[in-house]
């Protein structure tokens, strides 16, 4: 597939999963009032930016595993994306489910073949997803992780001899800044083939990122893509939310 090709084409089915069921406990009172995916940045909910970019790829289906205040997300999407509402699938996956459990509960809705975008609903993705998808197809790996230059605390991918070695979470951004040659910052966005997601044996209460990514790294079947143009910004607390509203310049 050349870089100008828009997706999907006749050979590819493209689905997306946006994780948006969390309670946002780190956001204090504001997190109790609304799902954090609906918090406003530049007068639009965080989840708007991910959906906007996914629709530009002509994605076939966007699956939302709903949990905390899931009915609010459903109402917002039905109002805002009326013309594309047939592309959305809302699945109630439980109020207190871990992400691994949510994946297990939606596996039956995934196609047997094709590619899957996995995105965090509390992260602003404001860049061209086609370039990421093209990299995934070109490298022909089971899974692709998008990385970027971070401004907030994130999990990091440890690099050795220019190859991904290990995935770590709860790492401070100072570790990244101290040794950029050793780490790449993880964006919360991946692509993998549907058949690999459907066949992966998740432990229901496990951290799916640690479990899945490190397994693929051991088998050397992972592609690392660096976001160089656009914005990727996770919002996990009030400080991040204020920073985003004061600083980020978004295309809308």
Protein backbone atom coordinates (compact mmCIF):
# COMPACT_ATOMS: atom_id res chain seq x y z
CA UNK A 1 0.00 0.00 0.00
CA UNK A 2 1.52 3.35 -1.01
CA UNK A 3 1.40 6.39 1.23
CA UNK A 4 -1.36 8.09 -0.76
CA UNK A 5 -3.79 5.19 -0.46
CA UNK A 6 -6.75 5.91 1.76
CA UNK A 7 -8.10 3.10 3.87
CA UNK A 8 -9.83 0.77 3.87
CA UNK A 9 -9.47 -0.76 0.42
CA UNK A 10 -11.02 -3.98 -0.87
CA UNK A 11 -8.55 -6.13 1.07
CA UNK A 12 -8.92 -4.53 4.49
CA UNK A 13 -11.67 -4.24 7.07
CA UNK A 14 -10.89 -1.48 9.56
CA UNK A 15 -12.45 -1.38 13.01
CA UNK A 16 -11.64 0.75 16.06
CA UNK A 17 -12.12 0.31 19.79
CA UNK A 18 -12.20 3.42 21.98
CA UNK A 19 -11.78 2.66 25.68
CA UNK A 20 -14.06 5.09 27.47
CA UNK A 21 -15.50 3.23 30.45
CA UNK A 22 -13.21 4.43 33.23
CA UNK A 23 -14.33 6.49 36.23
CA UNK A 24 -11.69 9.22 36.07
CA UNK A 25 -10.98 9.03 39.81
CA UNK A 26 -7.87 11.24 39.47
CA UNK A 27 -10.06 14.10 38.26
CA UNK A 28 -11.73 14.57 41.64
CA UNK A 29 -15.22 16.11 41.71
CA UNK A 30 -15.30 16.77 37.98
CA UNK A 31 -14.66 13.06 37.36
CA UNK A 32 -17.69 12.20 39.48
CA UNK A 33 -19.94 14.47 37.45
CA UNK A 34 -19.04 13.18 33.98
CA UNK A 35 -17.11 10.56 32.06
CA UNK A 36 -13.63 11.95 31.45
CA UNK A 37 -13.94 11.29 27.70
CA UNK A 38 -16.56 14.06 27.67
CA UNK A 39 -14.41 16.70 29.38
CA UNK A 40 -14.02 19.75 27.16
CA UNK A 41 -10.78 20.79 25.46
CA UNK A 42 -11.14 23.77 23.13
CA UNK A 43 -14.92 23.53 23.65
CA UNK A 44 -15.16 19.95 22.38
CA UNK A 45 -15.18 16.65 24.34
CA UNK A 46 -11.89 14.76 24.37
CA UNK A 47 -13.44 11.80 22.56
CA UNK A 48 -14.47 14.06 19.66
CA UNK A 49 -10.88 14.34 18.45
CA UNK A 50 -10.30 10.58 18.26
CA UNK A 51 -13.60 10.00 16.46
CA UNK A 52 -12.93 12.83 14.02
CA UNK A 53 -9.60 11.30 12.96
CA UNK A 54 -11.04 7.77 12.77
CA UNK A 55 -13.83 8.92 10.46
CA UNK A 56 -11.24 10.47 8.16
CA UNK A 57 -9.83 6.97 7.65
CA UNK A 58 -13.28 5.74 6.56
CA UNK A 59 -13.22 3.19 9.36
CA UNK A 60 -15.92 0.51 9.06
CA UNK A 61 -16.95 0.30 12.72
CA UNK A 62 -16.14 2.14 15.95
CA UNK A 63 -16.80 0.02 19.02
CA UNK A 64 -17.28 1.70 22.39
CA UNK A 65 -17.08 -0.58 25.47
CA UNK A 66 -19.21 1.52 27.80
CA UNK A 67 -18.97 1.66 31.59
CA UNK A 68 -19.08 4.72 33.85
CA UNK A 69 -21.77 7.17 32.63
CA UNK A 70 -21.84 5.31 29.33
CA UNK A 71 -25.31 6.60 28.47
CA UNK A 72 -23.87 10.15 28.36
CA UNK A 73 -21.28 9.10 25.78
CA UNK A 74 -23.95 7.36 23.71
CA UNK A 75 -26.18 10.47 23.80
CA UNK A 76 -23.32 12.77 22.78
CA UNK A 77 -22.25 10.60 19.84
CA UNK A 78 -25.80 10.15 18.56
CA UNK A 79 -26.27 13.93 18.58
CA UNK A 80 -22.90 14.89 17.15
CA UNK A 81 -22.19 12.18 14.60
CA UNK A 82 -25.71 11.59 13.31
CA UNK A 83 -24.63 11.11 9.68
CA UNK A 84 -22.17 8.37 10.69
CA UNK A 85 -24.15 6.75 13.49
CA UNK A 86 -24.33 3.41 11.63
CA UNK A 87 -20.57 3.11 12.14
CA UNK A 88 -20.88 3.05 15.94
CA UNK A 89 -21.46 0.02 18.14
CA UNK A 90 -22.19 0.64 21.83
CA UNK A 91 -21.54 -2.29 24.17
CA UNK A 92 -22.26 -2.17 27.90
CA UNK A 93 -19.21 -3.87 29.43
CA UNK A 94 -19.83 -3.12 33.11
CA UNK A 95 -19.19 -0.31 35.54
CA UNK A 96 -16.06 -1.71 37.20
CA UNK A 97 -14.53 -3.82 34.42
CA UNK A 98 -10.81 -3.69 33.71
CA UNK A 99 -9.82 -2.99 30.10
CA UNK A 100 -8.87 -6.66 29.66
CA UNK A 101 -12.39 -7.63 30.70
CA UNK A 102 -13.89 -5.12 28.29
CA UNK A 103 -11.85 -6.59 25.43
CA UNK A 104 -12.99 -10.10 26.32
CA UNK A 105 -16.63 -8.93 26.30
CA UNK A 106 -16.43 -7.33 22.84
CA UNK A 107 -14.40 -10.02 21.07
CA UNK A 108 -17.54 -11.53 19.57
CA UNK A 109 -18.24 -8.28 17.72
CA UNK A 110 -14.83 -8.22 16.00
CA UNK A 111 -14.38 -9.48 12.44
CA UNK A 112 -12.22 -12.54 11.83
CA UNK A 113 -9.86 -10.55 9.60
CA UNK A 114 -8.82 -6.95 9.22
CA UNK A 115 -7.09 -4.34 11.34
CA UNK A 116 -8.12 -2.85 14.67
CA UNK A 117 -7.27 0.58 16.07
CA UNK A 118 -7.20 0.60 19.89
CA UNK A 119 -7.41 4.08 21.43
CA UNK A 120 -7.80 5.59 24.88
CA UNK A 121 -10.91 7.73 25.15
CA UNK A 122 -9.20 10.17 27.53
CA UNK A 123 -6.47 11.08 25.04
CA UNK A 124 -6.58 13.73 22.33
CA UNK A 125 -5.47 12.29 19.01
CA UNK A 126 -5.16 15.10 16.49
CA UNK A 127 -2.92 13.71 13.75
CA UNK A 128 -3.21 11.77 10.49
CA UNK A 129 -4.03 8.15 11.35
CA UNK A 130 -3.52 7.09 7.74
CA UNK A 131 0.24 7.49 8.10
CA UNK A 132 0.19 5.22 11.15
CA UNK A 133 -1.91 2.62 9.36
CA UNK A 134 0.37 2.68 6.30
CA UNK A 135 3.36 2.06 8.56
CA UNK A 136 1.57 -0.91 10.15
CA UNK A 137 0.85 -2.49 6.77
CA UNK A 138 4.32 -1.78 5.38
CA UNK A 139 6.18 -3.24 8.38
CA UNK A 140 3.90 -6.31 8.37
CA UNK A 141 4.08 -6.90 12.12
CA UNK A 142 1.35 -8.31 14.38
CA UNK A 143 1.06 -5.07 16.34
CA UNK A 144 2.08 -1.41 15.92
CA UNK A 145 2.51 1.10 18.77
CA UNK A 146 2.44 4.86 18.20
CA UNK A 147 4.96 6.94 20.17
CA UNK A 148 5.48 10.69 20.58
CA UNK A 149 7.32 13.41 22.47
CA UNK A 150 5.40 13.62 25.77
CA UNK A 151 4.52 16.50 28.08
CA UNK A 152 2.93 14.36 30.79
CA UNK A 153 3.71 11.16 32.70
CA UNK A 154 3.24 8.04 30.55
CA UNK A 155 4.35 4.48 30.08
CA UNK A 156 7.62 4.09 28.22
CA UNK A 157 9.02 1.66 25.66
CA UNK A 158 12.60 0.67 26.43
CA UNK A 159 14.83 0.60 23.35
CA UNK A 160 18.06 -1.34 22.82
CA UNK A 161 20.00 -1.37 19.55
CA UNK A 162 17.10 0.57 18.00
CA UNK A 163 14.65 -2.23 18.81
CA UNK A 164 11.82 -2.32 21.40
CA UNK A 165 12.92 -4.32 24.41
CA UNK A 166 10.35 -3.80 27.14
CA UNK A 167 7.18 -1.88 27.99
CA UNK A 168 6.90 -0.16 31.37
CA UNK A 169 4.10 1.75 33.05
CA UNK A 170 3.99 4.29 35.87
CA UNK A 171 7.26 5.77 34.66
CA UNK A 172 7.89 9.45 35.29
CA UNK A 173 8.48 11.78 32.38
CA UNK A 174 11.81 12.74 33.93
CA UNK A 175 13.06 9.24 33.05
CA UNK A 176 12.26 9.94 29.41
CA UNK A 177 13.88 13.36 29.47
CA UNK A 178 17.00 12.00 31.16
CA UNK A 179 17.65 9.37 28.51
CA UNK A 180 15.72 9.79 25.26
CA UNK A 181 18.02 7.29 23.55
CA UNK A 182 16.79 4.59 25.92
CA UNK A 183 13.06 5.26 25.89
CA UNK A 184 10.18 6.08 23.58
CA UNK A 185 6.93 7.44 25.03
CA UNK A 186 3.78 5.41 24.41
CA UNK A 187 0.74 7.28 23.09
CA UNK A 188 -2.07 4.93 24.09
CA UNK A 189 -2.74 4.15 20.41
CA UNK A 190 -2.07 0.82 18.69
CA UNK A 191 -3.04 -1.12 15.58
CA UNK A 192 -3.15 -4.89 15.43
CA UNK A 193 -4.80 -7.51 13.30
CA UNK A 194 -8.22 -8.62 14.47
CA UNK A 195 -7.29 -12.30 14.45
CA UNK A 196 -4.45 -11.66 16.91
CA UNK A 197 -6.66 -9.66 19.28
CA UNK A 198 -9.40 -12.31 19.15
CA UNK A 199 -6.95 -15.14 19.81
CA UNK A 200 -4.93 -13.43 22.57
CA UNK A 201 -5.57 -15.03 25.97
CA UNK A 202 -6.16 -12.13 28.35
CA UNK A 203 -6.15 -12.54 32.11
CA UNK A 204 -9.40 -10.73 33.07
CA UNK A 205 -7.86 -8.59 35.84
CA UNK A 206 -4.48 -8.05 34.19
CA UNK A 207 -3.02 -4.88 32.71
CA UNK A 208 -3.62 -5.68 29.06
CA UNK A 209 -0.89 -3.33 27.82
CA UNK A 210 1.85 -4.90 29.93
CA UNK A 211 0.62 -8.40 29.14
CA UNK A 212 0.18 -7.99 25.38
CA UNK A 213 2.95 -5.59 24.39
CA UNK A 214 5.73 -7.38 26.23
CA UNK A 215 4.67 -10.70 24.72
CA UNK A 216 4.89 -9.29 21.20
CA UNK A 217 8.21 -7.60 22.00
CA UNK A 218 9.67 -10.94 23.08
CA UNK A 219 8.63 -12.44 19.76
CA UNK A 220 10.06 -9.39 17.92
CA UNK A 221 6.73 -8.97 16.14
CA UNK A 222 6.08 -5.31 16.93
CA UNK A 223 6.32 -2.10 14.90
CA UNK A 224 7.13 1.24 16.56
CA UNK A 225 5.75 4.35 14.84
CA UNK A 226 6.70 7.87 15.93
CA UNK A 227 4.16 10.68 15.64
CA UNK A 228 6.03 13.65 14.16
CA UNK A 229 3.18 15.91 13.01
CA UNK A 230 0.08 16.71 15.06
CA UNK A 231 -0.89 16.22 18.66
CA UNK A 232 -1.28 13.30 21.04
CA UNK A 233 -2.11 14.31 24.59
CA UNK A 234 -3.50 12.12 27.40
CA UNK A 235 -5.64 13.81 30.04
CA UNK A 236 -5.51 11.99 33.34
CA UNK A 237 -5.91 14.79 35.88
CA UNK A 238 -6.97 18.43 36.29
CA UNK A 239 -3.45 19.69 35.62
CA UNK A 240 -3.38 17.94 32.23
CA UNK A 241 -6.87 19.25 31.41
CA UNK A 242 -5.90 22.84 32.20
CA UNK A 243 -2.66 22.51 30.25
CA UNK A 244 -4.56 21.20 27.22
CA UNK A 245 -7.03 24.09 27.27
CA UNK A 246 -4.33 26.71 27.78
CA UNK A 247 -1.72 25.35 25.39
CA UNK A 248 -2.87 22.92 22.71
CA UNK A 249 -3.59 24.20 19.22
CA UNK A 250 -6.04 21.78 17.60
CA UNK A 251 -7.31 21.52 14.04
CA UNK A 252 -10.93 20.83 15.00
